[in-house]
Amino acid sequence: MLSLFHPLWDTATDADLLYADQTCARGNFRTRAKITSHAYAARSRAPDTAVDRALPTRACSRLGPNP
Protein backbone atom coordinates (compact mmCIF):
# COMPACT_ATOMS: atom_id res chain seq x y z
CA MET A 1 0.00 0.00 0.00
CA LEU A 2 1.20 3.49 -0.87
CA SER A 3 0.75 4.86 2.65
CA LEU A 4 3.62 2.70 3.87
CA PHE A 5 5.85 3.85 1.04
CA HIS A 6 5.94 7.63 1.48
CA PRO A 7 4.67 10.15 4.07
CA LEU A 8 2.87 12.04 1.30
CA TRP A 9 0.14 9.41 1.56
CA ASP A 10 -0.28 9.61 5.37
CA THR A 11 -3.53 11.57 5.15
CA ALA A 12 -5.00 9.68 2.19
CA THR A 13 -7.79 7.24 2.87
CA ASP A 14 -7.21 3.54 2.42
CA ALA A 15 -10.02 3.43 -0.14
CA ASP A 16 -8.36 6.09 -2.32
CA LEU A 17 -4.99 4.36 -2.19
CA LEU A 18 -6.52 0.96 -2.86
CA TYR A 19 -8.28 2.43 -5.88
CA ALA A 20 -4.94 3.74 -7.25
CA ASP A 21 -3.27 0.40 -6.62
CA GLN A 22 -6.03 -1.67 -8.20
CA THR A 23 -6.56 0.52 -11.25
CA CYS A 24 -3.01 1.60 -11.96
CA ALA A 25 -0.16 0.13 -9.92
CA ARG A 26 -1.54 -3.40 -9.67
CA GLY A 27 0.89 -4.17 -6.83
CA ASN A 28 3.95 -3.08 -8.81
CA PHE A 29 6.41 -1.21 -6.56
CA ARG A 30 8.04 0.68 -9.42
CA THR A 31 4.66 1.97 -10.59
CA ARG A 32 3.82 2.98 -7.02
CA ALA A 33 7.06 4.97 -6.94
CA LYS A 34 6.12 6.70 -10.19
CA ILE A 35 2.66 7.55 -8.85
CA THR A 36 4.26 9.00 -5.72
CA SER A 37 6.74 11.00 -7.78
CA HIS A 38 4.02 12.51 -9.96
CA ALA A 39 1.83 13.26 -6.92
CA TYR A 40 4.73 14.83 -5.05
CA ALA A 41 5.52 17.04 -8.06
CA ALA A 42 1.87 18.11 -8.29
CA ARG A 43 1.87 19.07 -4.62
CA SER A 44 5.12 20.99 -4.97
CA ARG A 45 3.53 23.05 -7.76
CA ALA A 46 0.31 23.56 -5.80
CA PRO A 47 0.89 22.89 -2.07
CA ASP A 48 -2.80 23.28 -1.24
CA THR A 49 -3.66 20.23 -3.38
CA ALA A 50 -5.63 17.79 -1.26
CA VAL A 51 -4.40 14.24 -0.87
CA ASP A 52 -7.62 12.58 -1.93
CA ARG A 53 -8.64 10.27 -4.77
CA ALA A 54 -8.07 13.01 -7.35
CA LEU A 55 -4.34 13.23 -6.62
CA PRO A 56 -3.38 9.58 -7.24
CA THR A 57 -5.84 9.47 -10.15
CA ARG A 58 -4.15 12.47 -11.75
CA ALA A 59 -0.73 10.93 -11.05
CA CYS A 60 -1.83 7.67 -12.67
CA SER A 61 -2.98 9.53 -15.76
CA ARG A 62 0.56 10.81 -16.22
CA LEU A 63 1.85 7.25 -16.54
CA GLY A 64 0.20 6.64 -19.87
CA PRO A 65 -2.17 3.89 -20.92
CA ASN A 66 -0.05 0.93 -19.76
CA PRO A 67 2.18 1.73 -16.78
PDB file of N, CA and C in Angstrom:
ATOM      1  N   MET A   1       0.839  -1.180   0.000  1.00  0.00           N
ATOM      2  CA  MET A   1       0.000   0.000   0.000  1.00  0.00           C
ATOM      3  C   MET A   1       0.883   1.241   0.000  1.00  0.00           C
ATOM      4  N   LEU A   2       0.432   2.270  -0.711  1.00  0.00           N
ATOM      5  CA  LEU A   2       1.202   3.493  -0.869  1.00  0.00           C
ATOM      6  C   LEU A   2       1.472   4.211   0.443  1.00  0.00           C
ATOM      7  N   SER A   3       0.578   4.127   1.402  1.00  0.00           N
ATOM      8  CA  SER A   3       0.752   4.863   2.654  1.00  0.00           C
ATOM      9  C   SER A   3       1.988   4.406   3.415  1.00  0.00           C
ATOM     10  N   LEU A   4       2.413   3.200   3.213  1.00  0.00           N
ATOM     11  CA  LEU A   4       3.621   2.699   3.869  1.00  0.00           C
ATOM     12  C   LEU A   4       4.885   3.113   3.123  1.00  0.00           C
ATOM     13  N   PHE A   5       4.726   3.548   1.912  1.00  0.00           N
ATOM     14  CA  PHE A   5       5.852   3.848   1.042  1.00  0.00           C
ATOM     15  C   PHE A   5       6.391   5.261   1.215  1.00  0.00           C
ATOM     16  N   HIS A   6       5.508   6.235   1.431  1.00  0.00           N
ATOM     17  CA  HIS A   6       5.938   7.632   1.476  1.00  0.00           C
ATOM     18  C   HIS A   6       4.999   8.430   2.369  1.00  0.00           C
ATOM     19  N   PRO A   7       5.536   9.363   3.169  1.00  0.00           N
ATOM     20  CA  PRO A   7       4.672  10.147   4.070  1.00  0.00           C
ATOM     21  C   PRO A   7       3.661  11.041   3.347  1.00  0.00           C
ATOM     22  N   LEU A   8       3.845  11.268   2.068  1.00  0.00           N
ATOM     23  CA  LEU A   8       2.871  12.039   1.296  1.00  0.00           C
ATOM     24  C   LEU A   8       1.480  11.432   1.437  1.00  0.00           C
ATOM     25  N   TRP A   9       1.418  10.129   1.545  1.00  0.00           N
ATOM     26  CA  TRP A   9       0.138   9.412   1.562  1.00  0.00           C
ATOM     27  C   TRP A   9      -0.444   9.230   2.956  1.00  0.00           C
ATOM     28  N   ASP A  10       0.190   9.799   3.993  1.00  0.00           N
ATOM     29  CA  ASP A  10      -0.277   9.607   5.373  1.00  0.00           C
ATOM     30  C   ASP A  10      -1.730  10.015   5.579  1.00  0.00           C
ATOM     31  N   THR A  11      -2.169  11.076   4.915  1.00  0.00           N
ATOM     32  CA  THR A  11      -3.529  11.567   5.145  1.00  0.00           C
ATOM     33  C   THR A  11      -4.542  11.024   4.136  1.00  0.00           C
ATOM     34  N   ALA A  12      -4.091  10.265   3.184  1.00  0.00           N
ATOM     35  CA  ALA A  12      -5.002   9.681   2.189  1.00  0.00           C
ATOM     36  C   ALA A  12      -5.788   8.539   2.821  1.00  0.00           C
ATOM     37  N   THR A  13      -6.993   8.346   2.346  1.00  0.00           N
ATOM     38  CA  THR A  13      -7.794   7.237   2.866  1.00  0.00           C
ATOM     39  C   THR A  13      -7.332   5.925   2.231  1.00  0.00           C
ATOM     40  N   ASP A  14      -7.559   4.860   2.945  1.00  0.00           N
ATOM     41  CA  ASP A  14      -7.207   3.538   2.416  1.00  0.00           C
ATOM     42  C   ASP A  14      -7.958   3.249   1.125  1.00  0.00           C
ATOM     43  N   ALA A  15      -9.215   3.680   1.057  1.00  0.00           N
ATOM     44  CA  ALA A  15     -10.023   3.430  -0.144  1.00  0.00           C
ATOM     45  C   ALA A  15      -9.425   4.123  -1.368  1.00  0.00           C
ATOM     46  N   ASP A  16      -8.951   5.358  -1.196  1.00  0.00           N
ATOM     47  CA  ASP A  16      -8.356   6.088  -2.319  1.00  0.00           C
ATOM     48  C   ASP A  16      -7.057   5.436  -2.779  1.00  0.00           C
ATOM     49  N   LEU A  17      -6.255   4.999  -1.830  1.00  0.00           N
ATOM     50  CA  LEU A  17      -4.987   4.359  -2.188  1.00  0.00           C
ATOM     51  C   LEU A  17      -5.210   2.978  -2.799  1.00  0.00           C
ATOM     52  N   LEU A  18      -6.186   2.268  -2.293  1.00  0.00           N
ATOM     53  CA  LEU A  18      -6.516   0.962  -2.860  1.00  0.00           C
ATOM     54  C   LEU A  18      -7.006   1.116  -4.294  1.00  0.00           C
ATOM     55  N   TYR A  19      -7.802   2.149  -4.531  1.00  0.00           N
ATOM     56  CA  TYR A  19      -8.278   2.432  -5.884  1.00  0.00           C
ATOM     57  C   TYR A  19      -7.096   2.652  -6.830  1.00  0.00           C
ATOM     58  N   ALA A  20      -6.124   3.469  -6.418  1.00  0.00           N
ATOM     59  CA  ALA A  20      -4.943   3.735  -7.253  1.00  0.00           C
ATOM     60  C   ALA A  20      -4.153   2.456  -7.491  1.00  0.00           C
ATOM     61  N   ASP A  21      -4.037   1.638  -6.462  1.00  0.00           N
ATOM     62  CA  ASP A  21      -3.275   0.399  -6.615  1.00  0.00           C
ATOM     63  C   ASP A  21      -3.988  -0.573  -7.549  1.00  0.00           C
ATOM     64  N   GLN A  22      -5.288  -0.706  -7.395  1.00  0.00           N
ATOM     65  CA  GLN A  22      -6.034  -1.667  -8.204  1.00  0.00           C
ATOM     66  C   GLN A  22      -6.162  -1.233  -9.657  1.00  0.00           C
ATOM     67  N   THR A  23      -6.322   0.054  -9.889  1.00  0.00           N
ATOM     68  CA  THR A  23      -6.558   0.518 -11.255  1.00  0.00           C
ATOM     69  C   THR A  23      -5.285   0.868 -12.003  1.00  0.00           C
ATOM     70  N   CYS A  24      -4.205   1.108 -11.290  1.00  0.00           N
ATOM     71  CA  CYS A  24      -3.012   1.605 -11.961  1.00  0.00           C
ATOM     72  C   CYS A  24      -1.758   0.806 -11.599  1.00  0.00           C
ATOM     73  N   ALA A  25      -1.423   0.756 -10.319  1.00  0.00           N
ATOM     74  CA  ALA A  25      -0.157   0.131  -9.915  1.00  0.00           C
ATOM     75  C   ALA A  25      -0.205  -1.389  -9.972  1.00  0.00           C
ATOM     76  N   ARG A  26      -1.361  -1.947  -9.660  1.00  0.00           N
ATOM     77  CA  ARG A  26      -1.544  -3.404  -9.670  1.00  0.00           C
ATOM     78  C   ARG A  26      -0.466  -4.137  -8.857  1.00  0.00           C
ATOM     79  N   GLY A  27      -0.081  -3.533  -7.709  1.00  0.00           N
ATOM     80  CA  GLY A  27       0.888  -4.166  -6.833  1.00  0.00           C
ATOM     81  C   GLY A  27       2.340  -3.984  -7.245  1.00  0.00           C
ATOM     82  N   ASN A  28       2.592  -3.264  -8.316  1.00  0.00           N
ATOM     83  CA  ASN A  28       3.954  -3.082  -8.812  1.00  0.00           C
ATOM     84  C   ASN A  28       4.628  -1.924  -8.069  1.00  0.00           C
ATOM     85  N   PHE A  29       5.728  -2.223  -7.364  1.00  0.00           N
ATOM     86  CA  PHE A  29       6.405  -1.212  -6.560  1.00  0.00           C
ATOM     87  C   PHE A  29       6.953  -0.070  -7.417  1.00  0.00           C
ATOM     88  N   ARG A  30       7.499  -0.365  -8.553  1.00  0.00           N
ATOM     89  CA  ARG A  30       8.043   0.679  -9.423  1.00  0.00           C
ATOM     90  C   ARG A  30       6.940   1.641  -9.875  1.00  0.00           C
ATOM     91  N   THR A  31       5.781   1.109 -10.195  1.00  0.00           N
ATOM     92  CA  THR A  31       4.663   1.965 -10.587  1.00  0.00           C
ATOM     93  C   THR A  31       4.183   2.795  -9.407  1.00  0.00           C
ATOM     94  N   ARG A  32       4.168   2.211  -8.213  1.00  0.00           N
ATOM     95  CA  ARG A  32       3.815   2.978  -7.019  1.00  0.00           C
ATOM     96  C   ARG A  32       4.784   4.140  -6.828  1.00  0.00           C
ATOM     97  N   ALA A  33       6.064   3.904  -7.061  1.00  0.00           N
ATOM     98  CA  ALA A  33       7.064   4.968  -6.942  1.00  0.00           C
ATOM     99  C   ALA A  33       6.802   6.073  -7.964  1.00  0.00           C
ATOM    100  N   LYS A  34       6.422   5.700  -9.167  1.00  0.00           N
ATOM    101  CA  LYS A  34       6.115   6.700 -10.195  1.00  0.00           C
ATOM    102  C   LYS A  34       4.878   7.516  -9.816  1.00  0.00           C
ATOM    103  N   ILE A  35       3.864   6.852  -9.290  1.00  0.00           N
ATOM    104  CA  ILE A  35       2.658   7.546  -8.845  1.00  0.00           C
ATOM    105  C   ILE A  35       3.026   8.557  -7.759  1.00  0.00           C
ATOM    106  N   THR A  36       3.829   8.120  -6.808  1.00  0.00           N
ATOM    107  CA  THR A  36       4.256   9.001  -5.718  1.00  0.00           C
ATOM    108  C   THR A  36       5.054  10.179  -6.259  1.00  0.00           C
ATOM    109  N   SER A  37       5.935   9.932  -7.196  1.00  0.00           N
ATOM    110  CA  SER A  37       6.744  10.999  -7.779  1.00  0.00           C
ATOM    111  C   SER A  37       5.869  12.041  -8.475  1.00  0.00           C
ATOM    112  N   HIS A  38       4.913  11.587  -9.261  1.00  0.00           N
ATOM    113  CA  HIS A  38       4.018  12.513  -9.956  1.00  0.00           C
ATOM    114  C   HIS A  38       3.136  13.280  -8.956  1.00  0.00           C
ATOM    115  N   ALA A  39       2.665  12.602  -7.930  1.00  0.00           N
ATOM    116  CA  ALA A  39       1.830  13.258  -6.922  1.00  0.00           C
ATOM    117  C   ALA A  39       2.649  14.274  -6.128  1.00  0.00           C
ATOM    118  N   TYR A  40       3.856  13.922  -5.784  1.00  0.00           N
ATOM    119  CA  TYR A  40       4.735  14.828  -5.047  1.00  0.00           C
ATOM    120  C   TYR A  40       5.029  16.077  -5.878  1.00  0.00           C
ATOM    121  N   ALA A  41       5.269  15.903  -7.163  1.00  0.00           N
ATOM    122  CA  ALA A  41       5.521  17.041  -8.058  1.00  0.00           C
ATOM    123  C   ALA A  41       4.280  17.932  -8.151  1.00  0.00           C
ATOM    124  N   ALA A  42       3.106  17.334  -8.225  1.00  0.00           N
ATOM    125  CA  ALA A  42       1.867  18.114  -8.291  1.00  0.00           C
ATOM    126  C   ALA A  42       1.684  18.930  -7.023  1.00  0.00           C
ATOM    127  N   ARG A  43       2.004  18.334  -5.888  1.00  0.00           N
ATOM    128  CA  ARG A  43       1.872  19.069  -4.619  1.00  0.00           C
ATOM    129  C   ARG A  43       2.938  20.141  -4.473  1.00  0.00           C
ATOM    130  N   SER A  44       4.096  19.946  -5.061  1.00  0.00           N
ATOM    131  CA  SER A  44       5.122  20.989  -4.972  1.00  0.00           C
ATOM    132  C   SER A  44       4.737  22.196  -5.827  1.00  0.00           C
ATOM    133  N   ARG A  45       4.008  21.957  -6.920  1.00  0.00           N
ATOM    134  CA  ARG A  45       3.525  23.054  -7.761  1.00  0.00           C
ATOM    135  C   ARG A  45       2.324  23.758  -7.140  1.00  0.00           C
ATOM    136  N   ALA A  46       1.500  23.014  -6.435  1.00  0.00           N
ATOM    137  CA  ALA A  46       0.305  23.565  -5.795  1.00  0.00           C
ATOM    138  C   ALA A  46       0.172  22.933  -4.402  1.00  0.00           C
ATOM    139  N   PRO A  47       0.857  23.499  -3.405  1.00  0.00           N
ATOM    140  CA  PRO A  47       0.888  22.893  -2.065  1.00  0.00           C
ATOM    141  C   PRO A  47      -0.472  22.701  -1.403  1.00  0.00           C
ATOM    142  N   ASP A  48      -1.474  23.429  -1.837  1.00  0.00           N
ATOM    143  CA  ASP A  48      -2.796  23.278  -1.241  1.00  0.00           C
ATOM    144  C   ASP A  48      -3.599  22.132  -1.848  1.00  0.00           C
ATOM    145  N   THR A  49      -2.994  21.382  -2.758  1.00  0.00           N
ATOM    146  CA  THR A  49      -3.661  20.231  -3.378  1.00  0.00           C
ATOM    147  C   THR A  49      -3.970  19.186  -2.312  1.00  0.00           C
ATOM    148  N   ALA A  50      -5.209  18.787  -2.244  1.00  0.00           N
ATOM    149  CA  ALA A  50      -5.626  17.787  -1.259  1.00  0.00           C
ATOM    150  C   ALA A  50      -5.106  16.409  -1.643  1.00  0.00           C
ATOM    151  N   VAL A  51      -4.810  15.623  -0.624  1.00  0.00           N
ATOM    152  CA  VAL A  51      -4.399  14.240  -0.866  1.00  0.00           C
ATOM    153  C   VAL A  51      -5.656  13.383  -0.746  1.00  0.00           C
ATOM    154  N   ASP A  52      -6.402  13.367  -1.851  1.00  0.00           N
ATOM    155  CA  ASP A  52      -7.623  12.575  -1.929  1.00  0.00           C
ATOM    156  C   ASP A  52      -7.561  11.759  -3.214  1.00  0.00           C
ATOM    157  N   ARG A  53      -8.639  11.152  -3.598  1.00  0.00           N
ATOM    158  CA  ARG A  53      -8.643  10.267  -4.767  1.00  0.00           C
ATOM    159  C   ARG A  53      -8.179  10.979  -6.036  1.00  0.00           C
ATOM    160  N   ALA A  54      -8.446  12.260  -6.140  1.00  0.00           N
ATOM    161  CA  ALA A  54      -8.069  13.007  -7.347  1.00  0.00           C
ATOM    162  C   ALA A  54      -6.557  13.054  -7.552  1.00  0.00           C
ATOM    163  N   LEU A  55      -5.798  13.138  -6.478  1.00  0.00           N
ATOM    164  CA  LEU A  55      -4.338  13.233  -6.615  1.00  0.00           C
ATOM    165  C   LEU A  55      -3.723  11.951  -7.190  1.00  0.00           C
ATOM    166  N   PRO A  56      -3.951  10.778  -6.616  1.00  0.00           N
ATOM    167  CA  PRO A  56      -3.376   9.582  -7.241  1.00  0.00           C
ATOM    168  C   PRO A  56      -3.975   9.289  -8.617  1.00  0.00           C
ATOM    169  N   THR A  57      -5.237   9.674  -8.827  1.00  0.00           N
ATOM    170  CA  THR A  57      -5.842   9.473 -10.146  1.00  0.00           C
ATOM    171  C   THR A  57      -5.128  10.324 -11.183  1.00  0.00           C
ATOM    172  N   ARG A  58      -4.871  11.581 -10.834  1.00  0.00           N
ATOM    173  CA  ARG A  58      -4.146  12.466 -11.747  1.00  0.00           C
ATOM    174  C   ARG A  58      -2.720  11.956 -11.966  1.00  0.00           C
ATOM    175  N   ALA A  59      -2.080  11.469 -10.907  1.00  0.00           N
ATOM    176  CA  ALA A  59      -0.727  10.933 -11.054  1.00  0.00           C
ATOM    177  C   ALA A  59      -0.724   9.701 -11.952  1.00  0.00           C
ATOM    178  N   CYS A  60      -1.732   8.862 -11.817  1.00  0.00           N
ATOM    179  CA  CYS A  60      -1.826   7.672 -12.670  1.00  0.00           C
ATOM    180  C   CYS A  60      -2.011   8.061 -14.136  1.00  0.00           C
ATOM    181  N   SER A  61      -2.745   9.121 -14.374  1.00  0.00           N
ATOM    182  CA  SER A  61      -2.984   9.529 -15.761  1.00  0.00           C
ATOM    183  C   SER A  61      -1.693   9.979 -16.442  1.00  0.00           C
ATOM    184  N   ARG A  62      -0.708  10.382 -15.664  1.00  0.00           N
ATOM    185  CA  ARG A  62       0.564  10.814 -16.224  1.00  0.00           C
ATOM    186  C   ARG A  62       1.455   9.625 -16.614  1.00  0.00           C
ATOM    187  N   LEU A  63       1.056   8.438 -16.228  1.00  0.00           N
ATOM    188  CA  LEU A  63       1.855   7.248 -16.540  1.00  0.00           C
ATOM    189  C   LEU A  63       1.610   6.725 -17.945  1.00  0.00           C
ATOM    190  N   GLY A  64       0.533   7.146 -18.559  1.00  0.00           N
ATOM    191  CA  GLY A  64       0.203   6.637 -19.874  1.00  0.00           C
ATOM    192  C   GLY A  64      -0.779   5.500 -19.774  1.00  0.00           C
ATOM    193  N   PRO A  65      -1.126   4.913 -20.908  1.00  0.00           N
ATOM    194  CA  PRO A  65      -2.172   3.892 -20.915  1.00  0.00           C
ATOM    195  C   PRO A  65      -1.760   2.560 -20.270  1.00  0.00           C
ATOM    196  N   ASN A  66      -0.499   2.216 -20.310  1.00  0.00           N
ATOM    197  CA  ASN A  66      -0.049   0.934 -19.758  1.00  0.00           C
ATOM    198  C   ASN A  66       1.197   1.119 -18.915  1.00  0.00           C
ATOM    199  N   PRO A  67       1.012   1.470 -17.624  1.00  0.00           N
ATOM    200  CA  PRO A  67       2.183   1.730 -16.775  1.00  0.00           C
ATOM    201  C   PRO A  67       2.988   0.459 -16.542  1.00  0.00           C
TER     202      PRO A  67
END
